């Protein structure tokens, strides 16, 4: 599996293995037609934008597509 060097323009600092057999959590989205879409979150990445002092935790699917992010004040 290729780990991206960047996600959304932020440099990836740390990540956990992204394997569909190791699902971290599930996210559910409501589609425009009212149906539910399930997304398996299988990868987490800690990243930092060059011009920012904050770090970001990205929740990703098996293709490293970001489905949620959280800004963190520090790397800890």
N, C-alpha and C. Protein backbone atom coordinates (compact mmCIF):
# COMPACT_ATOMS: atom_id res chain seq x y z
N UNK A 1 0.85 -1.18 0.00
CA UNK A 1 0.00 0.00 0.00
C UNK A 1 0.89 1.23 0.00
N UNK A 2 0.59 2.16 -0.88
CA UNK A 2 1.34 3.41 -0.94
C UNK A 2 0.77 4.41 0.06
N UNK A 3 1.63 4.87 0.94
CA UNK A 3 1.24 5.87 1.91
C UNK A 3 1.54 7.23 1.29
N UNK A 4 0.56 8.12 1.21
CA UNK A 4 0.81 9.43 0.61
C UNK A 4 1.74 10.28 1.48
N UNK A 5 2.60 11.05 0.83
CA UNK A 5 3.47 11.97 1.56
C UNK A 5 2.68 13.18 2.05
N UNK A 6 1.57 13.47 1.37
CA UNK A 6 0.71 14.60 1.75
C UNK A 6 -0.75 14.19 1.66
N UNK A 7 -1.54 14.80 2.53
CA UNK A 7 -3.00 14.67 2.46
C UNK A 7 -3.55 16.08 2.50
N UNK A 8 -4.35 16.44 1.54
CA UNK A 8 -4.97 17.76 1.47
C UNK A 8 -3.92 18.88 1.55
N UNK A 9 -2.72 18.61 1.04
CA UNK A 9 -1.65 19.61 1.06
C UNK A 9 -0.84 19.64 2.34
N UNK A 10 -1.21 18.82 3.32
CA UNK A 10 -0.47 18.77 4.59
C UNK A 10 0.51 17.59 4.55
N UNK A 11 1.69 17.79 5.11
CA UNK A 11 2.73 16.76 5.14
C UNK A 11 2.38 15.70 6.19
N UNK A 12 2.33 14.44 5.77
CA UNK A 12 2.03 13.34 6.68
C UNK A 12 3.25 13.08 7.56
N UNK A 13 3.03 13.11 8.87
CA UNK A 13 4.10 12.90 9.84
C UNK A 13 4.06 11.47 10.38
N UNK A 14 2.87 11.02 10.74
CA UNK A 14 2.67 9.66 11.27
C UNK A 14 1.36 9.12 10.72
N UNK A 15 1.26 7.81 10.66
CA UNK A 15 0.04 7.17 10.21
C UNK A 15 -0.05 5.79 10.84
N UNK A 16 -1.25 5.22 10.80
CA UNK A 16 -1.39 3.82 11.16
C UNK A 16 -1.78 3.07 9.90
N UNK A 17 -1.45 1.80 9.89
CA UNK A 17 -1.68 0.96 8.71
C UNK A 17 -3.11 1.09 8.21
N UNK A 18 -3.25 1.14 6.92
CA UNK A 18 -4.55 1.33 6.28
C UNK A 18 -4.94 0.02 5.58
N UNK A 19 -5.67 -0.83 6.29
CA UNK A 19 -6.04 -2.15 5.80
C UNK A 19 -7.53 -2.37 6.05
N UNK A 20 -8.27 -2.72 5.02
CA UNK A 20 -9.72 -2.90 5.15
C UNK A 20 -10.07 -3.95 6.20
N UNK A 21 -9.17 -4.87 6.48
CA UNK A 21 -9.42 -5.90 7.49
C UNK A 21 -9.22 -5.37 8.91
N UNK A 22 -8.75 -4.13 9.05
CA UNK A 22 -8.51 -3.54 10.36
C UNK A 22 -9.29 -2.23 10.47
N UNK A 23 -10.58 -2.32 10.34
CA UNK A 23 -11.45 -1.14 10.40
C UNK A 23 -11.37 -0.49 11.77
N UNK A 24 -11.15 0.82 11.78
CA UNK A 24 -11.08 1.58 13.02
C UNK A 24 -12.48 1.97 13.47
N UNK A 25 -13.25 2.46 12.55
CA UNK A 25 -14.63 2.86 12.83
C UNK A 25 -15.39 2.92 11.52
N UNK A 26 -16.68 3.17 11.62
CA UNK A 26 -17.52 3.36 10.44
C UNK A 26 -18.13 4.74 10.52
N UNK A 27 -18.28 5.36 9.36
CA UNK A 27 -18.98 6.64 9.28
C UNK A 27 -20.18 6.44 8.37
N UNK A 28 -21.24 7.15 8.68
CA UNK A 28 -22.45 7.05 7.87
C UNK A 28 -22.81 8.43 7.36
N UNK A 29 -23.10 8.49 6.07
CA UNK A 29 -23.51 9.74 5.43
C UNK A 29 -24.91 9.55 4.86
N UNK A 30 -25.68 10.60 4.86
CA UNK A 30 -26.98 10.55 4.21
C UNK A 30 -26.82 11.07 2.79
N UNK A 31 -27.20 10.26 1.84
CA UNK A 31 -27.14 10.64 0.43
C UNK A 31 -28.30 11.59 0.12
N UNK A 32 -28.22 12.25 -1.03
CA UNK A 32 -29.27 13.19 -1.44
C UNK A 32 -30.63 12.52 -1.56
N UNK A 33 -30.64 11.23 -1.93
CA UNK A 33 -31.91 10.52 -2.06
C UNK A 33 -32.44 9.99 -0.73
N UNK A 34 -31.73 10.29 0.37
CA UNK A 34 -32.15 9.86 1.70
C UNK A 34 -31.57 8.53 2.14
N UNK A 35 -30.89 7.83 1.25
CA UNK A 35 -30.29 6.55 1.63
C UNK A 35 -29.00 6.80 2.42
N UNK A 36 -28.59 5.80 3.17
CA UNK A 36 -27.39 5.91 3.98
C UNK A 36 -26.20 5.30 3.25
N UNK A 37 -25.07 5.96 3.36
CA UNK A 37 -23.83 5.45 2.78
C UNK A 37 -22.87 5.17 3.93
N UNK A 38 -22.34 3.96 3.96
CA UNK A 38 -21.39 3.57 5.00
C UNK A 38 -19.96 3.67 4.46
N UNK A 39 -19.07 4.28 5.22
CA UNK A 39 -17.66 4.38 4.85
C UNK A 39 -16.84 3.77 5.98
N UNK A 40 -15.94 2.85 5.61
CA UNK A 40 -15.06 2.25 6.60
C UNK A 40 -13.82 3.11 6.76
N UNK A 41 -13.56 3.55 7.97
CA UNK A 41 -12.35 4.30 8.27
C UNK A 41 -11.29 3.29 8.68
N UNK A 42 -10.25 3.18 7.86
CA UNK A 42 -9.22 2.17 8.08
C UNK A 42 -7.84 2.78 8.30
N UNK A 43 -7.71 4.08 8.11
CA UNK A 43 -6.41 4.72 8.28
C UNK A 43 -6.53 6.04 9.01
N UNK A 44 -5.56 6.30 9.86
CA UNK A 44 -5.43 7.58 10.53
C UNK A 44 -4.08 8.17 10.16
N UNK A 45 -4.05 9.46 9.95
CA UNK A 45 -2.78 10.12 9.64
C UNK A 45 -2.70 11.43 10.41
N UNK A 46 -1.53 11.68 10.97
CA UNK A 46 -1.25 12.95 11.62
C UNK A 46 -0.43 13.76 10.62
N UNK A 47 -0.89 14.97 10.34
CA UNK A 47 -0.24 15.77 9.30
C UNK A 47 -0.16 17.23 9.74
N UNK A 48 0.69 18.00 9.04
CA UNK A 48 0.90 19.40 9.37
C UNK A 48 1.04 20.20 8.09
N UNK A 49 0.27 21.29 8.03
CA UNK A 49 0.42 22.23 6.91
C UNK A 49 1.66 23.08 7.17
N UNK A 50 2.37 23.43 6.13
CA UNK A 50 3.63 24.17 6.25
C UNK A 50 3.48 25.49 7.00
N UNK A 51 2.43 26.23 6.76
CA UNK A 51 2.26 27.56 7.35
C UNK A 51 1.48 27.54 8.67
N UNK A 52 1.21 26.38 9.21
CA UNK A 52 0.39 26.27 10.42
C UNK A 52 1.21 25.75 11.60
N UNK A 53 0.84 26.15 12.79
CA UNK A 53 1.46 25.62 14.01
C UNK A 53 0.69 24.44 14.56
N UNK A 54 -0.48 24.17 14.00
CA UNK A 54 -1.31 23.07 14.47
C UNK A 54 -1.07 21.82 13.65
N UNK A 55 -1.45 20.70 14.24
CA UNK A 55 -1.39 19.40 13.58
C UNK A 55 -2.83 18.96 13.30
N UNK A 56 -3.00 18.09 12.34
CA UNK A 56 -4.32 17.64 11.95
C UNK A 56 -4.36 16.12 11.93
N UNK A 57 -5.42 15.58 12.50
CA UNK A 57 -5.65 14.15 12.47
C UNK A 57 -6.69 13.88 11.39
N UNK A 58 -6.30 13.10 10.38
CA UNK A 58 -7.18 12.78 9.27
C UNK A 58 -7.69 11.35 9.42
N UNK A 59 -8.99 11.16 9.27
CA UNK A 59 -9.62 9.85 9.24
C UNK A 59 -9.85 9.51 7.79
N UNK A 60 -9.28 8.39 7.33
CA UNK A 60 -9.27 8.07 5.90
C UNK A 60 -9.81 6.67 5.62
N UNK A 61 -10.27 6.49 4.38
CA UNK A 61 -10.68 5.16 3.93
C UNK A 61 -9.46 4.43 3.35
N UNK A 62 -9.67 3.27 2.76
CA UNK A 62 -8.55 2.47 2.25
C UNK A 62 -7.79 3.13 1.11
N UNK A 63 -8.39 4.12 0.45
CA UNK A 63 -7.73 4.86 -0.63
C UNK A 63 -7.10 6.15 -0.13
N UNK A 64 -7.01 6.33 1.18
CA UNK A 64 -6.50 7.53 1.82
C UNK A 64 -7.31 8.77 1.47
N UNK A 65 -8.60 8.57 1.16
CA UNK A 65 -9.51 9.69 0.98
C UNK A 65 -9.94 10.15 2.36
N UNK A 66 -9.84 11.44 2.62
CA UNK A 66 -10.17 12.00 3.93
C UNK A 66 -11.69 12.12 4.08
N UNK A 67 -12.19 11.62 5.21
CA UNK A 67 -13.62 11.71 5.49
C UNK A 67 -13.91 12.58 6.71
N UNK A 68 -12.91 12.83 7.52
CA UNK A 68 -13.07 13.70 8.69
C UNK A 68 -11.68 14.16 9.11
N UNK A 69 -11.60 15.36 9.64
CA UNK A 69 -10.32 15.81 10.18
C UNK A 69 -10.56 16.60 11.46
N UNK A 70 -9.55 16.59 12.29
CA UNK A 70 -9.58 17.29 13.56
C UNK A 70 -8.30 18.09 13.70
N UNK A 71 -8.40 19.35 14.10
CA UNK A 71 -7.19 20.12 14.33
C UNK A 71 -6.75 19.89 15.78
N UNK A 72 -5.44 19.71 15.93
CA UNK A 72 -4.84 19.40 17.22
C UNK A 72 -3.84 20.51 17.55
N UNK A 73 -3.79 20.93 18.80
CA UNK A 73 -2.88 21.99 19.19
C UNK A 73 -1.41 21.56 19.19
N UNK A 74 -1.17 20.28 19.42
CA UNK A 74 0.21 19.81 19.45
C UNK A 74 0.27 18.39 18.91
N UNK A 75 1.46 17.90 18.74
CA UNK A 75 1.66 16.56 18.24
C UNK A 75 1.33 15.51 19.30
N UNK A 76 1.37 15.91 20.56
CA UNK A 76 1.04 14.99 21.64
C UNK A 76 -0.43 14.67 21.61
